[in-house]
Structure formats: structure tokens, C-alpha cells
């Protein structure tokens, strides 16, 4: 286990080629992500949105939800883990009700991206 700070945990693993020399060949560092992105959209799995999801997944922890109920369930669970939860939603499917639930019931203060 490597250095830790109050803000983040770091884990360092060394891979050694042989047992004769104790020199690291590769250094791999793992870091826990403290923020997640939840994308709520009934069409999140269509071709266009799938391209966006693939790009976002390269550098973010992202969850997709087809319904408001599933998005709220994911957000509630991730919020309990002391994560920053960011929301992306479409402008349809009662987005105002969804945003109101996110703000009032889950107390998520991070910006919400609404696309049309």
C-alpha cells in the first residue's frame, strides 16, 4: 500500500520480472474515484448516445439508467458512499420531477446537465 492522504487513497503495486533482483519493472497506481456520473435517458443505449458513453467511460465512472426510479436508486447508493454525484438527463420523461427529486430528496447539489 502506498501513500495516502485525507482526500484520496492510493494503492501501488510493483511487478518484478525475476526473484534475483528487487527492482520494479512496472509501477501501477490505483486510485479510488470519488465522483460518479449518472446518465438518465430512455434512449441512453442508442447509437449516438452509446458513442458519448464510450468516450465518457474512458475517464469517468459513469452509470446509465433508463428510468427515473433506477437513476434515483443508483444516485442514493452512490451518495451513501461519500461520492460526488453528477447527473445528466434528457429534457423529456418528466425531467423536472426527476431533478426535483435529486435536489430535494437526495440533496445533491452538484450541477445537473439537461440536454434536449
N, C-alpha and C. Protein backbone atom coordinates (compact mmCIF):
# COMPACT_ATOMS: atom_id res chain seq x y z
N UNK A 1 0.86 -1.17 0.00
CA UNK A 1 0.00 0.00 0.00
C UNK A 1 0.89 1.22 0.00
N UNK A 2 0.57 2.18 -0.81
CA UNK A 2 1.38 3.37 -0.96
C UNK A 2 0.89 4.52 -0.11
N UNK A 3 1.28 5.73 -0.48
CA UNK A 3 0.94 6.90 0.31
C UNK A 3 -0.56 7.16 0.28
N UNK A 4 -1.08 7.64 1.38
CA UNK A 4 -2.49 8.01 1.44
C UNK A 4 -2.61 9.43 1.95
N UNK A 5 -3.67 10.09 1.56
CA UNK A 5 -3.99 11.41 2.06
C UNK A 5 -5.38 11.37 2.61
N UNK A 6 -5.78 12.45 3.23
CA UNK A 6 -7.15 12.52 3.74
C UNK A 6 -8.17 12.54 2.62
N UNK A 7 -7.77 13.01 1.46
CA UNK A 7 -8.71 13.17 0.36
C UNK A 7 -8.84 11.91 -0.50
N UNK A 8 -7.76 11.17 -0.69
CA UNK A 8 -7.79 10.04 -1.60
C UNK A 8 -6.95 8.89 -1.08
N UNK A 9 -7.28 7.68 -1.50
CA UNK A 9 -6.48 6.50 -1.19
C UNK A 9 -5.67 6.13 -2.42
N UNK A 10 -4.43 5.76 -2.22
CA UNK A 10 -3.57 5.34 -3.31
C UNK A 10 -3.08 3.94 -3.02
N UNK A 11 -3.02 3.11 -4.05
CA UNK A 11 -2.51 1.76 -3.92
C UNK A 11 -1.47 1.56 -5.00
N UNK A 12 -0.29 1.11 -4.62
CA UNK A 12 0.81 0.95 -5.57
C UNK A 12 1.21 -0.51 -5.58
N UNK A 13 1.36 -1.07 -6.77
CA UNK A 13 1.75 -2.47 -6.95
C UNK A 13 2.99 -2.50 -7.84
N UNK A 14 4.00 -3.26 -7.44
CA UNK A 14 5.21 -3.42 -8.24
C UNK A 14 5.26 -4.83 -8.80
N UNK A 15 5.65 -4.92 -10.06
CA UNK A 15 5.80 -6.21 -10.72
C UNK A 15 7.29 -6.43 -10.97
N UNK A 16 7.82 -7.54 -10.47
CA UNK A 16 9.24 -7.85 -10.59
C UNK A 16 9.39 -9.03 -11.55
N UNK A 17 10.30 -8.91 -12.51
CA UNK A 17 10.47 -9.94 -13.53
C UNK A 17 11.01 -11.24 -12.95
N UNK A 18 12.04 -11.17 -12.12
CA UNK A 18 12.61 -12.37 -11.50
C UNK A 18 12.80 -12.11 -10.02
N UNK A 19 13.06 -13.16 -9.26
CA UNK A 19 13.30 -13.01 -7.84
C UNK A 19 14.73 -12.63 -7.52
N UNK A 20 15.62 -12.58 -8.52
CA UNK A 20 17.03 -12.30 -8.29
C UNK A 20 17.29 -10.83 -7.97
N UNK A 21 16.61 -9.94 -8.65
CA UNK A 21 16.80 -8.51 -8.41
C UNK A 21 15.48 -7.91 -7.97
N UNK A 22 15.51 -7.10 -6.98
CA UNK A 22 14.29 -6.48 -6.48
C UNK A 22 14.24 -5.05 -7.01
N UNK A 23 13.95 -4.97 -8.28
CA UNK A 23 13.77 -3.67 -8.93
C UNK A 23 12.40 -3.68 -9.62
N UNK A 24 11.67 -2.64 -9.45
CA UNK A 24 10.36 -2.63 -10.09
C UNK A 24 10.48 -2.53 -11.61
N UNK A 25 9.77 -3.38 -12.29
CA UNK A 25 9.72 -3.32 -13.75
C UNK A 25 8.63 -2.36 -14.19
N UNK A 26 7.53 -2.40 -13.48
CA UNK A 26 6.39 -1.56 -13.79
C UNK A 26 5.83 -1.01 -12.49
N UNK A 27 5.36 0.18 -12.50
CA UNK A 27 4.67 0.74 -11.34
C UNK A 27 3.23 1.03 -11.76
N UNK A 28 2.30 0.45 -11.04
CA UNK A 28 0.88 0.64 -11.34
C UNK A 28 0.25 1.29 -10.13
N UNK A 29 -0.43 2.39 -10.33
CA UNK A 29 -1.07 3.09 -9.22
C UNK A 29 -2.58 3.05 -9.41
N UNK A 30 -3.29 2.67 -8.36
CA UNK A 30 -4.75 2.65 -8.37
C UNK A 30 -5.24 3.77 -7.46
N UNK A 31 -6.30 4.43 -7.89
CA UNK A 31 -6.87 5.48 -7.08
C UNK A 31 -8.38 5.33 -7.09
N UNK A 32 -8.98 5.44 -5.93
CA UNK A 32 -10.44 5.36 -5.85
C UNK A 32 -11.03 6.65 -6.40
N UNK A 33 -12.03 6.50 -7.25
CA UNK A 33 -12.74 7.65 -7.78
C UNK A 33 -13.78 8.07 -6.76
N UNK A 34 -13.85 9.34 -6.49
CA UNK A 34 -14.80 9.85 -5.51
C UNK A 34 -15.97 10.57 -6.17
N UNK A 35 -16.04 10.52 -7.48
CA UNK A 35 -17.18 11.13 -8.16
C UNK A 35 -17.72 10.17 -9.22
N UNK A 36 -19.02 10.21 -9.39
CA UNK A 36 -19.68 9.37 -10.38
C UNK A 36 -20.64 10.22 -11.20
N UNK A 37 -20.88 9.77 -12.40
CA UNK A 37 -21.82 10.43 -13.31
C UNK A 37 -22.94 9.45 -13.60
N UNK A 38 -24.18 9.91 -13.44
CA UNK A 38 -25.34 9.08 -13.72
C UNK A 38 -26.10 9.73 -14.87
N UNK A 39 -26.27 8.95 -15.94
CA UNK A 39 -26.97 9.44 -17.13
C UNK A 39 -28.33 8.77 -17.20
N UNK A 40 -29.39 9.58 -17.04
CA UNK A 40 -30.76 9.07 -17.08
C UNK A 40 -31.37 9.46 -18.42
N UNK A 41 -31.72 8.46 -19.21
CA UNK A 41 -32.33 8.69 -20.51
C UNK A 41 -32.87 7.36 -21.02
N UNK A 42 -34.11 7.37 -21.48
CA UNK A 42 -34.71 6.15 -22.01
C UNK A 42 -33.98 5.68 -23.27
N UNK A 43 -33.29 6.61 -23.94
CA UNK A 43 -32.57 6.27 -25.17
C UNK A 43 -31.05 6.27 -24.98
N UNK A 44 -30.60 6.02 -23.77
CA UNK A 44 -29.17 6.09 -23.48
C UNK A 44 -28.38 5.04 -24.25
N UNK A 45 -29.02 3.99 -24.70
CA UNK A 45 -28.31 2.92 -25.40
C UNK A 45 -28.41 3.00 -26.92
N UNK A 46 -28.93 4.11 -27.46
CA UNK A 46 -28.97 4.21 -28.91
C UNK A 46 -27.56 4.50 -29.44
N UNK A 47 -27.40 4.50 -30.74
CA UNK A 47 -26.07 4.58 -31.36
C UNK A 47 -25.36 5.88 -30.98
N UNK A 48 -26.04 7.00 -31.08
CA UNK A 48 -25.41 8.29 -30.80
C UNK A 48 -24.98 8.39 -29.33
N UNK A 49 -25.90 8.07 -28.43
CA UNK A 49 -25.59 8.16 -27.01
C UNK A 49 -24.53 7.14 -26.59
N UNK A 50 -24.52 5.98 -27.23
CA UNK A 50 -23.50 4.97 -26.92
C UNK A 50 -22.10 5.49 -27.24
N UNK A 51 -21.98 6.27 -28.29
CA UNK A 51 -20.68 6.87 -28.63
C UNK A 51 -20.23 7.82 -27.53
N UNK A 52 -21.16 8.65 -27.04
CA UNK A 52 -20.84 9.57 -25.95
C UNK A 52 -20.45 8.80 -24.68
N UNK A 53 -21.20 7.74 -24.40
CA UNK A 53 -20.92 6.94 -23.20
C UNK A 53 -19.53 6.33 -23.28
N UNK A 54 -19.17 5.81 -24.44
CA UNK A 54 -17.84 5.20 -24.61
C UNK A 54 -16.73 6.22 -24.34
N UNK A 55 -16.91 7.45 -24.83
CA UNK A 55 -15.91 8.49 -24.61
C UNK A 55 -15.85 8.89 -23.14
N UNK A 56 -17.00 9.01 -22.50
CA UNK A 56 -17.03 9.40 -21.09
C UNK A 56 -16.45 8.33 -20.18
N UNK A 57 -16.65 7.07 -20.52
CA UNK A 57 -16.16 5.97 -19.68
C UNK A 57 -14.64 5.88 -19.65
N UNK A 58 -13.98 6.48 -20.61
CA UNK A 58 -12.52 6.43 -20.64
C UNK A 58 -11.89 7.20 -19.47
N UNK A 59 -12.61 8.19 -18.96
CA UNK A 59 -12.02 8.98 -17.87
C UNK A 59 -12.97 9.23 -16.70
N UNK A 60 -14.13 8.59 -16.70
CA UNK A 60 -15.11 8.80 -15.64
C UNK A 60 -15.76 7.50 -15.22
N UNK A 61 -16.27 7.49 -14.00
CA UNK A 61 -17.12 6.40 -13.56
C UNK A 61 -18.54 6.83 -13.92
N UNK A 62 -19.17 6.10 -14.82
CA UNK A 62 -20.48 6.52 -15.33
C UNK A 62 -21.46 5.35 -15.28
N UNK A 63 -22.68 5.65 -14.88
CA UNK A 63 -23.76 4.68 -14.83
C UNK A 63 -24.89 5.18 -15.72
N UNK A 64 -25.52 4.26 -16.44
CA UNK A 64 -26.67 4.64 -17.25
C UNK A 64 -27.93 4.10 -16.61
N UNK A 65 -29.00 4.86 -16.75
CA UNK A 65 -30.30 4.46 -16.20
C UNK A 65 -31.37 4.78 -17.24
N UNK A 66 -32.23 3.82 -17.48
CA UNK A 66 -33.31 4.01 -18.46
C UNK A 66 -34.53 4.69 -17.84
N UNK A 67 -34.67 4.61 -16.52
CA UNK A 67 -35.84 5.17 -15.85
C UNK A 67 -35.43 6.09 -14.70
N UNK A 68 -36.36 6.92 -14.30
CA UNK A 68 -36.13 7.80 -13.15
C UNK A 68 -35.89 6.98 -11.90
N UNK A 69 -36.67 5.94 -11.70
CA UNK A 69 -36.55 5.11 -10.50
C UNK A 69 -35.17 4.49 -10.38
N UNK A 70 -34.66 3.95 -11.48
CA UNK A 70 -33.34 3.32 -11.43
C UNK A 70 -32.24 4.36 -11.23
N UNK A 71 -32.39 5.53 -11.83
CA UNK A 71 -31.39 6.60 -11.65
C UNK A 71 -31.36 7.07 -10.21
N UNK A 72 -32.53 7.23 -9.59
CA UNK A 72 -32.59 7.65 -8.19
C UNK A 72 -32.01 6.59 -7.26
N UNK A 73 -32.24 5.33 -7.59
CA UNK A 73 -31.70 4.23 -6.78
C UNK A 73 -30.17 4.23 -6.83
N UNK A 74 -29.61 4.39 -8.02
CA UNK A 74 -28.16 4.45 -8.18
C UNK A 74 -27.59 5.66 -7.45
N UNK A 75 -28.23 6.82 -7.63
CA UNK A 75 -27.75 8.05 -7.01
C UNK A 75 -27.76 7.94 -5.48
N UNK A 76 -28.81 7.36 -4.94
CA UNK A 76 -28.92 7.20 -3.49
C UNK A 76 -27.80 6.30 -2.96
N UNK A 77 -27.55 5.21 -3.66
CA UNK A 77 -26.49 4.28 -3.24
C UNK A 77 -25.12 4.94 -3.33
N UNK A 78 -24.85 5.64 -4.40
CA UNK A 78 -23.54 6.27 -4.58
C UNK A 78 -23.34 7.44 -3.63
N UNK A 79 -24.41 8.14 -3.31
CA UNK A 79 -24.33 9.26 -2.37
C UNK A 79 -23.95 8.76 -0.97
N UNK A 80 -24.43 7.57 -0.59
CA UNK A 80 -24.09 6.99 0.72
C UNK A 80 -22.61 6.69 0.83
N UNK A 81 -21.94 6.45 -0.27
CA UNK A 81 -20.52 6.14 -0.28
C UNK A 81 -19.64 7.37 -0.29
N UNK A 82 -20.19 8.52 0.07
CA UNK A 82 -19.45 9.79 0.10
C UNK A 82 -18.87 10.16 -1.26
N UNK A 83 -19.58 9.82 -2.32
CA UNK A 83 -19.16 10.20 -3.66
C UNK A 83 -19.83 11.51 -4.06
N UNK A 84 -19.18 12.26 -4.92
CA UNK A 84 -19.85 13.39 -5.56
C UNK A 84 -20.63 12.80 -6.72
N UNK A 85 -21.92 13.10 -6.78
CA UNK A 85 -22.79 12.52 -7.79
C UNK A 85 -23.21 13.61 -8.77
N UNK A 86 -22.89 13.39 -10.03
CA UNK A 86 -23.27 14.32 -11.09
C UNK A 86 -24.33 13.64 -11.95
N UNK A 87 -25.29 14.42 -12.41
CA UNK A 87 -26.43 13.89 -13.15
C UNK A 87 -26.46 14.48 -14.55
N UNK A 88 -26.74 13.61 -15.52
CA UNK A 88 -27.05 14.02 -16.90
C UNK A 88 -28.43 13.46 -17.19
N UNK A 89 -29.32 14.29 -17.72
CA UNK A 89 -30.66 13.83 -18.06
C UNK A 89 -31.14 14.49 -19.34
N UNK A 90 -32.09 13.85 -19.97
CA UNK A 90 -32.70 14.47 -21.14
C UNK A 90 -33.78 15.44 -20.67
N UNK A 91 -34.32 16.21 -21.60
CA UNK A 91 -35.35 17.20 -21.25
C UNK A 91 -36.74 16.61 -21.17
N UNK A 92 -36.91 15.35 -21.56
CA UNK A 92 -38.23 14.71 -21.53
C UNK A 92 -38.37 13.77 -20.36
N UNK A 93 -39.40 12.96 -20.42
CA UNK A 93 -39.64 11.92 -19.41
C UNK A 93 -39.70 12.49 -17.99
N UNK A 94 -40.45 13.60 -17.83
CA UNK A 94 -40.61 14.27 -16.53
C UNK A 94 -39.26 14.61 -15.91
N UNK A 95 -38.43 15.29 -16.68
CA UNK A 95 -37.11 15.67 -16.18
C UNK A 95 -37.21 16.63 -15.01
N UNK A 96 -38.23 17.50 -15.00
CA UNK A 96 -38.39 18.43 -13.89
C UNK A 96 -38.67 17.68 -12.59
N UNK A 97 -39.51 16.67 -12.64
CA UNK A 97 -39.79 15.85 -11.47
C UNK A 97 -38.55 15.11 -11.00
N UNK A 98 -37.78 14.61 -11.96
CA UNK A 98 -36.54 13.90 -11.64
C UNK A 98 -35.55 14.83 -10.95
N UNK A 99 -35.36 16.01 -11.53
CA UNK A 99 -34.42 16.98 -10.97
C UNK A 99 -34.87 17.43 -9.58
N UNK A 100 -36.16 17.62 -9.40
CA UNK A 100 -36.69 17.99 -8.08
C UNK A 100 -36.40 16.90 -7.06
N UNK A 101 -36.55 15.64 -7.44
CA UNK A 101 -36.24 14.53 -6.53
C UNK A 101 -34.75 14.50 -6.19
N UNK A 102 -33.92 14.72 -7.19
CA UNK A 102 -32.47 14.72 -6.98
C UNK A 102 -32.08 15.82 -6.00
N UNK A 103 -32.64 17.00 -6.19
CA UNK A 103 -32.29 18.14 -5.34
C UNK A 103 -32.89 18.02 -3.93
N UNK A 104 -34.19 17.70 -3.85
CA UNK A 104 -34.89 17.76 -2.57
C UNK A 104 -34.79 16.48 -1.74
N UNK A 105 -34.89 15.32 -2.37
CA UNK A 105 -34.86 14.07 -1.62
C UNK A 105 -33.44 13.57 -1.36
N UNK A 106 -32.57 13.70 -2.36
CA UNK A 106 -31.21 13.19 -2.22
C UNK A 106 -30.20 14.27 -1.83
N UNK A 107 -30.63 15.53 -1.87
CA UNK A 107 -29.77 16.66 -1.51
C UNK A 107 -28.46 16.68 -2.30
N UNK A 108 -28.56 16.44 -3.59
CA UNK A 108 -27.39 16.51 -4.47
C UNK A 108 -27.29 17.93 -5.00
N UNK A 109 -26.18 18.59 -4.68
CA UNK A 109 -26.00 20.00 -5.04
C UNK A 109 -25.16 20.22 -6.28
N UNK A 110 -24.52 19.18 -6.81
CA UNK A 110 -23.67 19.33 -7.98
C UNK A 110 -24.52 19.73 -9.19
N UNK A 111 -23.88 20.35 -10.18
CA UNK A 111 -24.62 20.76 -11.38
C UNK A 111 -25.26 19.55 -12.08
N UNK A 112 -26.41 19.81 -12.68
CA UNK A 112 -27.13 18.80 -13.46
C UNK A 112 -27.15 19.26 -14.91
N UNK A 113 -26.70 18.39 -15.80
CA UNK A 113 -26.71 18.70 -17.23
C UNK A 113 -28.00 18.19 -17.83
N UNK A 114 -28.78 19.09 -18.44
CA UNK A 114 -30.02 18.72 -19.12
C UNK A 114 -29.82 18.99 -20.60
N UNK A 115 -29.97 17.93 -21.41
CA UNK A 115 -29.82 18.12 -22.85
C UNK A 115 -31.14 17.85 -23.54
N UNK A 116 -31.31 18.48 -24.68
CA UNK A 116 -32.55 18.31 -25.45
C UNK A 116 -32.26 17.81 -26.84
